[in-house]
C-alpha atoms as a PDB file:
ATOM      1  CA  MET A   1      -5.003   7.300  -1.030  1.00  0.00           C
ATOM      2  CA  TYR A   2      -1.919   6.996  -3.701  1.00  0.00           C
ATOM      3  CA  ARG A   3       0.111   9.706  -5.216  1.00  0.00           C
ATOM      4  CA  LEU A   4       0.436   7.574  -8.347  1.00  0.00           C
ATOM      5  CA  ASN A   5       2.343  11.192 -10.295  1.00  0.00           C
ATOM      6  CA  ASN A   6       4.083  11.129  -7.081  1.00  0.00           C
ATOM      7  CA  VAL A   7       5.866   8.245  -8.039  1.00  0.00           C
ATOM      8  CA  HIS A   8       9.768   7.529 -10.091  1.00  0.00           C
ATOM      9  CA  THR A   9       8.446   5.793 -12.774  1.00  0.00           C
ATOM     10  CA  GLU A  10      11.872   4.110 -13.246  1.00  0.00           C
ATOM     11  CA  ARG A  11      11.518   2.186 -10.348  1.00  0.00           C
ATOM     12  CA  ILE A  12       8.726   0.687 -10.418  1.00  0.00           C
ATOM     13  CA  GLU A  13       9.459  -2.815  -9.160  1.00  0.00           C
ATOM     14  CA  MET A  14       7.185  -5.576 -10.177  1.00  0.00           C
ATOM     15  CA  ARG A  15       7.132  -9.381  -9.249  1.00  0.00           C
ATOM     16  CA  ALA A  16       4.963 -12.400  -9.299  1.00  0.00           C
ATOM     17  CA  TRP A  17       5.180 -14.309  -6.501  1.00  0.00           C
ATOM     18  CA  LYS A  18       3.763 -18.508  -6.626  1.00  0.00           C
ATOM     19  CA  GLY A  19       2.746 -19.442  -2.741  1.00  0.00           C
ATOM     20  CA  THR A  20       4.396 -22.415  -0.914  1.00  0.00           C
ATOM     21  CA  GLY A  21       3.273 -24.852   2.062  1.00  0.00           C
ATOM     22  CA  ILE A  22       0.001 -23.342   3.289  1.00  0.00           C
ATOM     23  CA  ARG A  23      -0.082 -21.074   0.600  1.00  0.00           C
ATOM     24  CA  ILE A  24       0.131 -22.978  -2.522  1.00  0.00           C
ATOM     25  CA  GLY A  25      -1.445 -22.583  -5.141  1.00  0.00           C
ATOM     26  CA  GLU A  26      -1.507 -19.054  -4.337  1.00  0.00           C
ATOM     27  CA  GLU A  27      -0.465 -16.199  -6.261  1.00  0.00           C
ATOM     28  CA  TRP A  28       0.854 -12.570  -6.164  1.00  0.00           C
ATOM     29  CA  ILE A  29       2.197  -9.600  -7.968  1.00  0.00           C
ATOM     30  CA  THR A  30       4.255  -7.408  -6.140  1.00  0.00           C
ATOM     31  CA  VAL A  31       4.612  -3.569  -6.844  1.00  0.00           C
ATOM     32  CA  LYS A  32       6.679  -1.548  -4.950  1.00  0.00           C
ATOM     33  CA  LEU A  33       6.768   2.440  -5.537  1.00  0.00           C
ATOM     34  CA  HIS A  34       9.316   5.049  -4.824  1.00  0.00           C
ATOM     35  CA  GLY A  35       9.287   8.578  -4.252  1.00  0.00           C
ATOM     36  CA  ASP A  36      10.956  12.015  -2.943  1.00  0.00           C
ATOM     37  CA  GLU A  37       7.078  13.432  -2.109  1.00  0.00           C
ATOM     38  CA  ILE A  38       4.044  11.088  -0.516  1.00  0.00           C
ATOM     39  CA  VAL A  39       2.883   8.236  -2.499  1.00  0.00           C
ATOM     40  CA  PHE A  40       0.939   6.162  -0.291  1.00  0.00           C
ATOM     41  CA  GLU A  41      -1.530   7.431   2.135  1.00  0.00           C
ATOM     42  CA  GLU A  42      -4.226   6.098   4.479  1.00  0.00           C
ATOM     43  CA  THR A  43      -6.063   7.087   7.278  1.00  0.00           C
ATOM     44  CA  THR A  44      -6.527   4.048   9.817  1.00  0.00           C
ATOM     45  CA  GLU A  45     -10.166   4.361  11.780  1.00  0.00           C
ATOM     46  CA  PRO A  46     -10.218   3.736  15.811  1.00  0.00           C
ATOM     47  CA  MET A  47     -10.661   0.845  18.393  1.00  0.00           C
ATOM     48  CA  THR A  48     -14.556   0.670  19.179  1.00  0.00           C
ATOM     49  CA  ASP A  49     -14.883   1.276  22.956  1.00  0.00           C
ATOM     50  CA  ASP A  50     -18.275  -1.085  23.407  1.00  0.00           C
ATOM     51  CA  GLY A  51     -18.407  -0.398  27.079  1.00  0.00           C
ATOM     52  CA  SER A  52     -16.683  -3.417  28.225  1.00  0.00           C
ATOM     53  CA  GLU A  53     -13.460  -3.659  31.345  1.00  0.00           C
ATOM     54  CA  LEU A  54     -11.616  -4.451  28.570  1.00  0.00           C
ATOM     55  CA  ALA A  55     -11.672  -1.749  26.576  1.00  0.00           C
ATOM     56  CA  ARG A  56     -12.003   0.839  29.981  1.00  0.00           C
ATOM     57  CA  LEU A  57      -8.784  -0.832  31.267  1.00  0.00           C
ATOM     58  CA  MET A  58      -6.802  -0.301  27.279  1.00  0.00           C
ATOM     59  CA  ARG A  59      -8.323   3.221  26.925  1.00  0.00           C
ATOM     60  CA  GLN A  60      -5.914   4.253  30.301  1.00  0.00           C
ATOM     61  CA  SER A  61      -2.778   2.625  28.675  1.00  0.00           C
ATOM     62  CA  ARG A  62      -3.460   3.358  24.880  1.00  0.00           C
ATOM     63  CA  PRO A  63      -6.029   5.575  24.530  1.00  0.00           C
ATOM     64  CA  ASP A  64      -4.045   6.450  20.682  1.00  0.00           C
ATOM     65  CA  LEU A  65      -6.138   3.544  19.972  1.00  0.00           C
ATOM     66  CA  PHE A  66      -9.298   4.975  19.956  1.00  0.00           C
ATOM     67  CA  ARG A  67      -7.885   7.937  18.012  1.00  0.00           C
ATOM     68  CA  PRO A  68      -8.040   7.886  13.837  1.00  0.00           C
ATOM     69  CA  HIS A  69      -4.509   7.903  12.607  1.00  0.00           C
ATOM     70  CA  HIS A  70      -3.525   9.619   9.361  1.00  0.00           C
ATOM     71  CA  ASN A  71      -0.002   8.162   7.864  1.00  0.00           C
ATOM     72  CA  VAL A  72       2.308   9.051   4.845  1.00  0.00           C
ATOM     73  CA  TYR A  73       4.555   6.586   3.036  1.00  0.00           C
ATOM     74  CA  LYS A  74       7.285   7.852  -0.166  1.00  0.00           C
ATOM     75  CA  GLU A  75       8.271   4.298  -0.219  1.00  0.00           C
ATOM     76  CA  HIS A  76       5.059   1.786  -0.958  1.00  0.00           C
ATOM     77  CA  GLU A  77       4.452  -1.871  -1.568  1.00  0.00           C
ATOM     78  CA  LEU A  78       1.141  -2.963  -3.319  1.00  0.00           C
ATOM     79  CA  THR A  79      -0.186  -6.779  -3.450  1.00  0.00           C
ATOM     80  CA  LEU A  80      -2.485  -7.746  -6.406  1.00  0.00           C
ATOM     81  CA  LYS A  81      -4.298 -10.951  -5.827  1.00  0.00           C
ATOM     82  CA  THR A  82      -3.231 -12.101  -8.992  1.00  0.00           C
ATOM     83  CA  GLY A  83      -0.522 -14.041 -10.949  1.00  0.00           C
ATOM     84  CA  ASP A  84      -0.856 -12.777 -14.126  1.00  0.00           C
ATOM     85  CA  LEU A  85       2.357 -10.526 -13.862  1.00  0.00           C
ATOM     86  CA  ASN A  86       1.678  -9.549 -17.750  1.00  0.00           C
ATOM     87  CA  ARG A  87      -1.936  -8.056 -17.394  1.00  0.00           C
ATOM     88  CA  VAL A  88      -0.792  -5.268 -14.143  1.00  0.00           C
ATOM     89  CA  LYS A  89       2.186  -4.386 -16.380  1.00  0.00           C
ATOM     90  CA  ARG A  90      -0.071  -3.217 -18.954  1.00  0.00           C
ATOM     91  CA  ALA A  91      -2.605  -1.711 -16.418  1.00  0.00           C
ATOM     92  CA  TRP A  92       0.707   0.189 -14.999  1.00  0.00           C
ATOM     93  CA  THR A  93       1.662   1.712 -18.359  1.00  0.00           C
ATOM     94  CA  TYR A  94      -1.960   2.525 -19.161  1.00  0.00           C
ATOM     95  CA  ILE A  95      -2.182   4.366 -16.289  1.00  0.00           C
ATOM     96  CA  TYR A  96       1.397   6.538 -17.160  1.00  0.00           C
ATOM     97  CA  SER A  97       0.538   6.633 -20.509  1.00  0.00           C
ATOM     98  CA  HIS A  98      -3.374   8.148 -19.470  1.00  0.00           C
ATOM     99  CA  GLY A  99      -3.190  11.067 -17.604  1.00  0.00           C
ATOM    100  CA  CYS A 100       0.100   9.559 -14.888  1.00  0.00           C
ATOM    101  CA  THR A 101       3.120  12.006 -14.838  1.00  0.00           C
ATOM    102  CA  GLY A 102       4.910  10.072 -12.149  1.00  0.00           C
ATOM    103  CA  LYS A 103       7.873  11.613 -11.869  1.00  0.00           C
ATOM    104  CA  GLN A 104      12.270  10.746 -12.498  1.00  0.00           C
ATOM    105  CA  SER A 105      14.767   9.736  -9.732  1.00  0.00           C
ATOM    106  CA  PRO A 106      17.228  12.189  -9.050  1.00  0.00           C
ATOM    107  CA  PHE A 107      19.452   9.441  -8.984  1.00  0.00           C
END
């Protein structure tokens, strides 16, 4: 879940990338979000215990893998599988002109 009202809007960084090597032909945009409060949170699902010997051993050594985890971040980098930086910029402008307010950075 993104908390876009907590983002310092003047610190949003967008960058276009083009793949090289085995990623040649790929394009993507990264959007870096920063805030002094939570800007992104996620819950990861636990591993599935299939009843196997391996799962039993893993449960003994790493029981935390079999519980969901909730993580929160004050910084997050979003990766978008597009090379159209202008379109991404227009979308973020639209978001912050139609409801989201963001925050001013204390810097």
